[in-house]
């Protein structure tokens, strides 16, 4: 069987400052404050097709994003 591969050389990690959890809300898109270096990187990749995952900030012990769906079979 031919499985797709995951090219780790094309993974980019970018820490984005966002609103604190108590100010969380649902908005169309993502609004963040970028440094000039981060803005330069965003400008360079703006026309490239990307698969993006935002991790952290949407889940805590007391808050669940409206789109969050629990996964079955997970243990703490």
PDB file of N, CA and C in Angstrom:
ATOM      1  N   UNK A   1       0.830  -1.177   0.000  1.00  0.00           N
ATOM      2  CA  UNK A   1       0.000   0.000   0.000  1.00  0.00           C
ATOM      3  C   UNK A   1       0.880   1.249   0.000  1.00  0.00           C
ATOM      4  N   UNK A   2       0.466   2.257  -0.694  1.00  0.00           N
ATOM      5  CA  UNK A   2       1.228   3.502  -0.810  1.00  0.00           C
ATOM      6  C   UNK A   2       0.641   4.561   0.120  1.00  0.00           C
ATOM      7  N   UNK A   3       1.337   4.874   1.198  1.00  0.00           N
ATOM      8  CA  UNK A   3       0.860   5.869   2.149  1.00  0.00           C
ATOM      9  C   UNK A   3       1.512   7.217   1.866  1.00  0.00           C
ATOM     10  N   UNK A   4       0.775   8.323   2.054  1.00  0.00           N
ATOM     11  CA  UNK A   4       1.398   9.642   1.873  1.00  0.00           C
ATOM     12  C   UNK A   4       2.475   9.871   2.931  1.00  0.00           C
ATOM     13  N   UNK A   5       3.481  10.627   2.579  1.00  0.00           N
ATOM     14  CA  UNK A   5       4.560  10.919   3.523  1.00  0.00           C
ATOM     15  C   UNK A   5       4.393  12.321   4.086  1.00  0.00           C
ATOM     16  N   UNK A   6       4.983  12.529   5.243  1.00  0.00           N
ATOM     17  CA  UNK A   6       4.946  13.832   5.905  1.00  0.00           C
ATOM     18  C   UNK A   6       6.345  14.423   5.844  1.00  0.00           C
ATOM     19  N   UNK A   7       6.508  15.492   5.088  1.00  0.00           N
ATOM     20  CA  UNK A   7       7.818  16.116   4.885  1.00  0.00           C
ATOM     21  C   UNK A   7       8.108  17.094   6.023  1.00  0.00           C
ATOM     22  N   UNK A   8       8.922  16.668   6.991  1.00  0.00           N
ATOM     23  CA  UNK A   8       9.214  17.506   8.155  1.00  0.00           C
ATOM     24  C   UNK A   8      10.095  18.701   7.817  1.00  0.00           C
ATOM     25  N   UNK A   9      10.718  18.715   6.652  1.00  0.00           N
ATOM     26  CA  UNK A   9      11.537  19.871   6.275  1.00  0.00           C
ATOM     27  C   UNK A   9      10.672  21.072   5.925  1.00  0.00           C
ATOM     28  N   UNK A  10       9.380  20.846   5.730  1.00  0.00           N
ATOM     29  CA  UNK A  10       8.483  21.947   5.373  1.00  0.00           C
ATOM     30  C   UNK A  10       7.594  22.383   6.535  1.00  0.00           C
ATOM     31  N   UNK A  11       7.936  21.951   7.742  1.00  0.00           N
ATOM     32  CA  UNK A  11       7.170  22.335   8.925  1.00  0.00           C
ATOM     33  C   UNK A  11       7.717  23.647   9.466  1.00  0.00           C
ATOM     34  N   UNK A  12       6.832  24.589   9.728  1.00  0.00           N
ATOM     35  CA  UNK A  12       7.229  25.877  10.292  1.00  0.00           C
ATOM     36  C   UNK A  12       6.450  26.090  11.585  1.00  0.00           C
ATOM     37  N   UNK A  13       7.147  26.431  12.638  1.00  0.00           N
ATOM     38  CA  UNK A  13       6.514  26.730  13.913  1.00  0.00           C
ATOM     39  C   UNK A  13       6.590  28.227  14.142  1.00  0.00           C
ATOM     40  N   UNK A  14       5.466  28.819  14.481  1.00  0.00           N
ATOM     41  CA  UNK A  14       5.414  30.260  14.706  1.00  0.00           C
ATOM     42  C   UNK A  14       4.541  30.514  15.929  1.00  0.00           C
ATOM     43  N   UNK A  15       5.106  31.052  16.977  1.00  0.00           N
ATOM     44  CA  UNK A  15       4.351  31.368  18.187  1.00  0.00           C
ATOM     45  C   UNK A  15       3.648  32.702  17.968  1.00  0.00           C
ATOM     46  N   UNK A  16       2.332  32.700  18.115  1.00  0.00           N
ATOM     47  CA  UNK A  16       1.541  33.902  17.881  1.00  0.00           C
ATOM     48  C   UNK A  16       0.884  34.360  19.176  1.00  0.00           C
ATOM     49  N   UNK A  17       1.097  35.620  19.551  1.00  0.00           N
ATOM     50  CA  UNK A  17       0.409  36.137  20.741  1.00  0.00           C
ATOM     51  C   UNK A  17      -1.061  36.372  20.412  1.00  0.00           C
ATOM     52  N   UNK A  18      -1.935  35.864  21.242  1.00  0.00           N
ATOM     53  CA  UNK A  18      -3.372  36.037  21.014  1.00  0.00           C
ATOM     54  C   UNK A  18      -4.020  36.574  22.278  1.00  0.00           C
ATOM     55  N   UNK A  19      -5.311  36.775  22.200  1.00  0.00           N
ATOM     56  CA  UNK A  19      -6.055  37.271  23.351  1.00  0.00           C
ATOM     57  C   UNK A  19      -6.050  36.238  24.467  1.00  0.00           C
ATOM     58  N   UNK A  20      -6.122  36.688  25.736  1.00  0.00           N
ATOM     59  CA  UNK A  20      -6.202  35.732  26.841  1.00  0.00           C
ATOM     60  C   UNK A  20      -7.501  34.927  26.762  1.00  0.00           C
ATOM     61  N   UNK A  21      -7.507  33.787  27.419  1.00  0.00           N
ATOM     62  CA  UNK A  21      -8.645  32.873  27.353  1.00  0.00           C
ATOM     63  C   UNK A  21      -9.967  33.530  27.751  1.00  0.00           C
ATOM     64  N   UNK A  22      -9.958  34.408  28.763  1.00  0.00           N
ATOM     65  CA  UNK A  22     -11.209  35.024  29.207  1.00  0.00           C
ATOM     66  C   UNK A  22     -11.768  36.020  28.193  1.00  0.00           C
ATOM     67  N   UNK A  23     -10.993  36.386  27.186  1.00  0.00           N
ATOM     68  CA  UNK A  23     -11.469  37.273  26.117  1.00  0.00           C
ATOM     69  C   UNK A  23     -11.750  36.502  24.827  1.00  0.00           C
ATOM     70  N   UNK A  24     -11.701  35.166  24.892  1.00  0.00           N
ATOM     71  CA  UNK A  24     -11.862  34.353  23.689  1.00  0.00           C
ATOM     72  C   UNK A  24     -13.254  34.542  23.098  1.00  0.00           C
ATOM     73  N   UNK A  25     -13.308  34.564  21.791  1.00  0.00           N
ATOM     74  CA  UNK A  25     -14.574  34.676  21.083  1.00  0.00           C
ATOM     75  C   UNK A  25     -14.412  34.053  19.701  1.00  0.00           C
ATOM     76  N   UNK A  26     -15.508  33.853  19.010  1.00  0.00           N
ATOM     77  CA  UNK A  26     -15.475  33.282  17.669  1.00  0.00           C
ATOM     78  C   UNK A  26     -15.476  34.420  16.660  1.00  0.00           C
ATOM     79  N   UNK A  27     -14.496  34.424  15.770  1.00  0.00           N
ATOM     80  CA  UNK A  27     -14.420  35.429  14.709  1.00  0.00           C
ATOM     81  C   UNK A  27     -14.131  34.717  13.397  1.00  0.00           C
ATOM     82  N   UNK A  28     -14.571  35.290  12.268  1.00  0.00           N
ATOM     83  CA  UNK A  28     -14.218  34.688  10.987  1.00  0.00           C
ATOM     84  C   UNK A  28     -12.754  34.977  10.673  1.00  0.00           C
ATOM     85  N   UNK A  29     -11.902  33.976  10.694  1.00  0.00           N
ATOM     86  CA  UNK A  29     -10.477  34.186  10.443  1.00  0.00           C
ATOM     87  C   UNK A  29      -9.706  34.181  11.744  1.00  0.00           C
ATOM     88  N   UNK A  30      -8.498  34.671  11.687  1.00  0.00           N
ATOM     89  CA  UNK A  30      -7.625  34.708  12.857  1.00  0.00           C
ATOM     90  C   UNK A  30      -6.950  36.071  12.913  1.00  0.00           C
ATOM     91  N   UNK A  31      -7.088  36.770  14.016  1.00  0.00           N
ATOM     92  CA  UNK A  31      -6.494  38.094  14.178  1.00  0.00           C
ATOM     93  C   UNK A  31      -5.376  37.992  15.206  1.00  0.00           C
ATOM     94  N   UNK A  32      -4.150  38.340  14.794  1.00  0.00           N
ATOM     95  CA  UNK A  32      -3.000  38.262  15.694  1.00  0.00           C
ATOM     96  C   UNK A  32      -2.091  39.461  15.484  1.00  0.00           C
ATOM     97  N   UNK A  33      -1.313  39.764  16.503  1.00  0.00           N
ATOM     98  CA  UNK A  33      -0.305  40.811  16.430  1.00  0.00           C
ATOM     99  C   UNK A  33       1.008  40.167  16.017  1.00  0.00           C
ATOM    100  N   UNK A  34       1.620  40.636  14.928  1.00  0.00           N
ATOM    101  CA  UNK A  34       2.861  40.056  14.423  1.00  0.00           C
ATOM    102  C   UNK A  34       4.014  41.028  14.569  1.00  0.00           C
ATOM    103  N   UNK A  35       5.187  40.470  14.860  1.00  0.00           N
ATOM    104  CA  UNK A  35       6.404  41.279  14.830  1.00  0.00           C
ATOM    105  C   UNK A  35       6.753  41.535  13.369  1.00  0.00           C
ATOM    106  N   UNK A  36       7.687  42.432  13.113  1.00  0.00           N
ATOM    107  CA  UNK A  36       8.073  42.710  11.725  1.00  0.00           C
ATOM    108  C   UNK A  36       8.687  41.469  11.076  1.00  0.00           C
ATOM    109  N   UNK A  37       9.422  40.671  11.850  1.00  0.00           N
ATOM    110  CA  UNK A  37      10.007  39.438  11.301  1.00  0.00           C
ATOM    111  C   UNK A  37       8.914  38.439  10.926  1.00  0.00           C
ATOM    112  N   UNK A  38       7.921  38.271  11.795  1.00  0.00           N
ATOM    113  CA  UNK A  38       6.821  37.355  11.505  1.00  0.00           C
ATOM    114  C   UNK A  38       6.006  37.847  10.314  1.00  0.00           C
ATOM    115  N   UNK A  39       5.794  39.155  10.212  1.00  0.00           N
ATOM    116  CA  UNK A  39       5.055  39.714   9.077  1.00  0.00           C
ATOM    117  C   UNK A  39       5.805  39.474   7.777  1.00  0.00           C
ATOM    118  N   UNK A  40       7.128  39.559   7.812  1.00  0.00           N
ATOM    119  CA  UNK A  40       7.946  39.301   6.630  1.00  0.00           C
ATOM    120  C   UNK A  40       7.795  37.853   6.180  1.00  0.00           C
ATOM    121  N   UNK A  41       7.805  36.930   7.131  1.00  0.00           N
ATOM    122  CA  UNK A  41       7.625  35.513   6.805  1.00  0.00           C
ATOM    123  C   UNK A  41       6.230  35.281   6.234  1.00  0.00           C
ATOM    124  N   UNK A  42       5.218  35.878   6.847  1.00  0.00           N
ATOM    125  CA  UNK A  42       3.847  35.727   6.359  1.00  0.00           C
ATOM    126  C   UNK A  42       3.719  36.257   4.936  1.00  0.00           C
ATOM    127  N   UNK A  43       4.380  37.363   4.638  1.00  0.00           N
ATOM    128  CA  UNK A  43       4.340  37.937   3.287  1.00  0.00           C
ATOM    129  C   UNK A  43       4.987  36.992   2.273  1.00  0.00           C
ATOM    130  N   UNK A  44       6.079  36.337   2.670  1.00  0.00           N
ATOM    131  CA  UNK A  44       6.788  35.426   1.765  1.00  0.00           C
ATOM    132  C   UNK A  44       5.966  34.188   1.429  1.00  0.00           C
ATOM    133  N   UNK A  45       5.146  33.723   2.350  1.00  0.00           N
ATOM    134  CA  UNK A  45       4.399  32.485   2.125  1.00  0.00           C
ATOM    135  C   UNK A  45       2.921  32.722   1.814  1.00  0.00           C
ATOM    136  N   UNK A  46       2.511  33.965   1.601  1.00  0.00           N
ATOM    137  CA  UNK A  46       1.085  34.263   1.462  1.00  0.00           C
ATOM    138  C   UNK A  46       0.428  33.608   0.255  1.00  0.00           C
ATOM    139  N   UNK A  47       1.145  33.335  -0.806  1.00  0.00           N
ATOM    140  CA  UNK A  47       0.556  32.727  -1.997  1.00  0.00           C
ATOM    141  C   UNK A  47       0.738  31.213  -2.051  1.00  0.00           C
ATOM    142  N   UNK A  48       1.385  30.634  -1.049  1.00  0.00           N
ATOM    143  CA  UNK A  48       1.630  29.191  -1.062  1.00  0.00           C
ATOM    144  C   UNK A  48       0.465  28.455  -0.412  1.00  0.00           C
ATOM    145  N   UNK A  49       0.084  27.307  -0.983  1.00  0.00           N
ATOM    146  CA  UNK A  49      -0.969  26.514  -0.330  1.00  0.00           C
ATOM    147  C   UNK A  49      -0.414  25.906   0.960  1.00  0.00           C
ATOM    148  N   UNK A  50      -1.083  26.136   2.054  1.00  0.00           N
ATOM    149  CA  UNK A  50      -0.598  25.674   3.356  1.00  0.00           C
ATOM    150  C   UNK A  50      -1.666  24.863   4.068  1.00  0.00           C
ATOM    151  N   UNK A  51      -1.224  23.922   4.860  1.00  0.00           N
ATOM    152  CA  UNK A  51      -2.102  23.241   5.805  1.00  0.00           C
ATOM    153  C   UNK A  51      -1.686  23.753   7.170  1.00  0.00           C
ATOM    154  N   UNK A  52      -2.614  24.337   7.894  1.00  0.00           N
ATOM    155  CA  UNK A  52      -2.291  25.032   9.133  1.00  0.00           C
ATOM    156  C   UNK A  52      -3.001  24.376  10.310  1.00  0.00           C
ATOM    157  N   UNK A  53      -2.309  24.282  11.428  1.00  0.00           N
ATOM    158  CA  UNK A  53      -2.912  23.817  12.673  1.00  0.00           C
ATOM    159  C   UNK A  53      -2.591  24.832  13.755  1.00  0.00           C
ATOM    160  N   UNK A  54      -3.627  25.361  14.383  1.00  0.00           N
ATOM    161  CA  UNK A  54      -3.437  26.239  15.535  1.00  0.00           C
ATOM    162  C   UNK A  54      -3.563  25.374  16.778  1.00  0.00           C
ATOM    163  N   UNK A  55      -2.521  25.354  17.579  1.00  0.00           N
ATOM    164  CA  UNK A  55      -2.501  24.496  18.759  1.00  0.00           C
ATOM    165  C   UNK A  55      -2.338  25.369  19.996  1.00  0.00           C
ATOM    166  N   UNK A  56      -3.124  25.070  21.024  1.00  0.00           N
ATOM    167  CA  UNK A  56      -3.074  25.764  22.304  1.00  0.00           C
ATOM    168  C   UNK A  56      -3.914  27.033  22.240  1.00  0.00           C
ATOM    169  N   UNK A  57      -4.543  27.355  23.316  1.00  0.00           N
ATOM    170  CA  UNK A  57      -5.334  28.572  23.397  1.00  0.00           C
ATOM    171  C   UNK A  57      -6.826  28.322  23.278  1.00  0.00           C
ATOM    172  N   UNK A  58      -7.230  27.262  22.585  1.00  0.00           N
ATOM    173  CA  UNK A  58      -8.650  26.971  22.438  1.00  0.00           C
ATOM    174  C   UNK A  58      -9.160  25.974  23.469  1.00  0.00           C
ATOM    175  N   UNK A  59      -8.259  25.336  24.189  1.00  0.00           N
ATOM    176  CA  UNK A  59      -8.669  24.326  25.153  1.00  0.00           C
ATOM    177  C   UNK A  59      -8.020  24.576  26.506  1.00  0.00           C
ATOM    178  N   UNK A  60      -8.784  24.443  27.546  1.00  0.00           N
ATOM    179  CA  UNK A  60      -8.260  24.476  28.906  1.00  0.00           C
ATOM    180  C   UNK A  60      -9.194  23.620  29.759  1.00  0.00           C
ATOM    181  N   UNK A  61      -8.936  23.552  31.062  1.00  0.00           N
ATOM    182  CA  UNK A  61      -9.804  22.762  31.933  1.00  0.00           C
ATOM    183  C   UNK A  61     -11.205  23.360  32.023  1.00  0.00           C
ATOM    184  N   UNK A  62     -11.329  24.688  31.856  1.00  0.00           N
ATOM    185  CA  UNK A  62     -12.626  25.335  32.041  1.00  0.00           C
ATOM    186  C   UNK A  62     -13.246  25.860  30.756  1.00  0.00           C
ATOM    187  N   UNK A  63     -12.534  25.868  29.649  1.00  0.00           N
ATOM    188  CA  UNK A  63     -13.055  26.454  28.405  1.00  0.00           C
ATOM    189  C   UNK A  63     -12.892  25.484  27.252  1.00  0.00           C
ATOM    190  N   UNK A  64     -13.918  25.329  26.464  1.00  0.00           N
ATOM    191  CA  UNK A  64     -13.869  24.538  25.243  1.00  0.00           C
ATOM    192  C   UNK A  64     -14.399  25.398  24.102  1.00  0.00           C
ATOM    193  N   UNK A  65     -13.627  25.520  23.041  1.00  0.00           N
ATOM    194  CA  UNK A  65     -14.052  26.273  21.862  1.00  0.00           C
ATOM    195  C   UNK A  65     -15.342  25.656  21.328  1.00  0.00           C
ATOM    196  N   UNK A  66     -16.211  26.474  20.755  1.00  0.00           N
ATOM    197  CA  UNK A  66     -17.497  25.998  20.260  1.00  0.00           C
ATOM    198  C   UNK A  66     -17.345  24.872  19.241  1.00  0.00           C
ATOM    199  N   UNK A  67     -16.262  24.864  18.489  1.00  0.00           N
ATOM    200  CA  UNK A  67     -16.053  23.832  17.479  1.00  0.00           C
ATOM    201  C   UNK A  67     -15.344  22.595  17.988  1.00  0.00           C
ATOM    202  N   UNK A  68     -14.972  22.562  19.278  1.00  0.00           N
ATOM    203  CA  UNK A  68     -14.227  21.428  19.827  1.00  0.00           C
ATOM    204  C   UNK A  68     -15.124  20.215  19.965  1.00  0.00           C
ATOM    205  N   UNK A  69     -14.634  19.084  19.499  1.00  0.00           N
ATOM    206  CA  UNK A  69     -15.355  17.830  19.663  1.00  0.00           C
ATOM    207  C   UNK A  69     -14.450  16.877  20.433  1.00  0.00           C
ATOM    208  N   UNK A  70     -14.972  16.314  21.504  1.00  0.00           N
ATOM    209  CA  UNK A  70     -14.183  15.396  22.334  1.00  0.00           C
ATOM    210  C   UNK A  70     -13.796  14.158  21.539  1.00  0.00           C
ATOM    211  N   UNK A  71     -12.592  13.677  21.788  1.00  0.00           N
ATOM    212  CA  UNK A  71     -12.128  12.444  21.173  1.00  0.00           C
ATOM    213  C   UNK A  71     -12.381  11.300  22.137  1.00  0.00           C
ATOM    214  N   UNK A  72     -12.875  10.193  21.627  1.00  0.00           N
ATOM    215  CA  UNK A  72     -13.136   9.051  22.491  1.00  0.00           C
ATOM    216  C   UNK A  72     -11.864   8.238  22.670  1.00  0.00           C
ATOM    217  N   UNK A  73     -11.735   7.612  23.815  1.00  0.00           N
ATOM    218  CA  UNK A  73     -10.602   6.734  24.072  1.00  0.00           C
ATOM    219  C   UNK A  73      -9.354   7.429  24.589  1.00  0.00           C
ATOM    220  N   UNK A  74      -9.397   8.732  24.865  1.00  0.00           N
ATOM    221  CA  UNK A  74      -8.229   9.441  25.384  1.00  0.00           C
ATOM    222  C   UNK A  74      -8.265   9.451  26.902  1.00  0.00           C
ATOM    223  N   UNK A  75      -7.097   9.294  27.507  1.00  0.00           N
ATOM    224  CA  UNK A  75      -6.992   9.332  28.961  1.00  0.00           C
ATOM    225  C   UNK A  75      -5.992  10.390  29.366  1.00  0.00           C
ATOM    226  N   UNK A  76      -6.190  10.963  30.540  1.00  0.00           N
ATOM    227  CA  UNK A  76      -5.232  11.942  31.069  1.00  0.00           C
ATOM    228  C   UNK A  76      -4.140  11.252  31.815  1.00  0.00           C
TER     229      UNK A  76
END
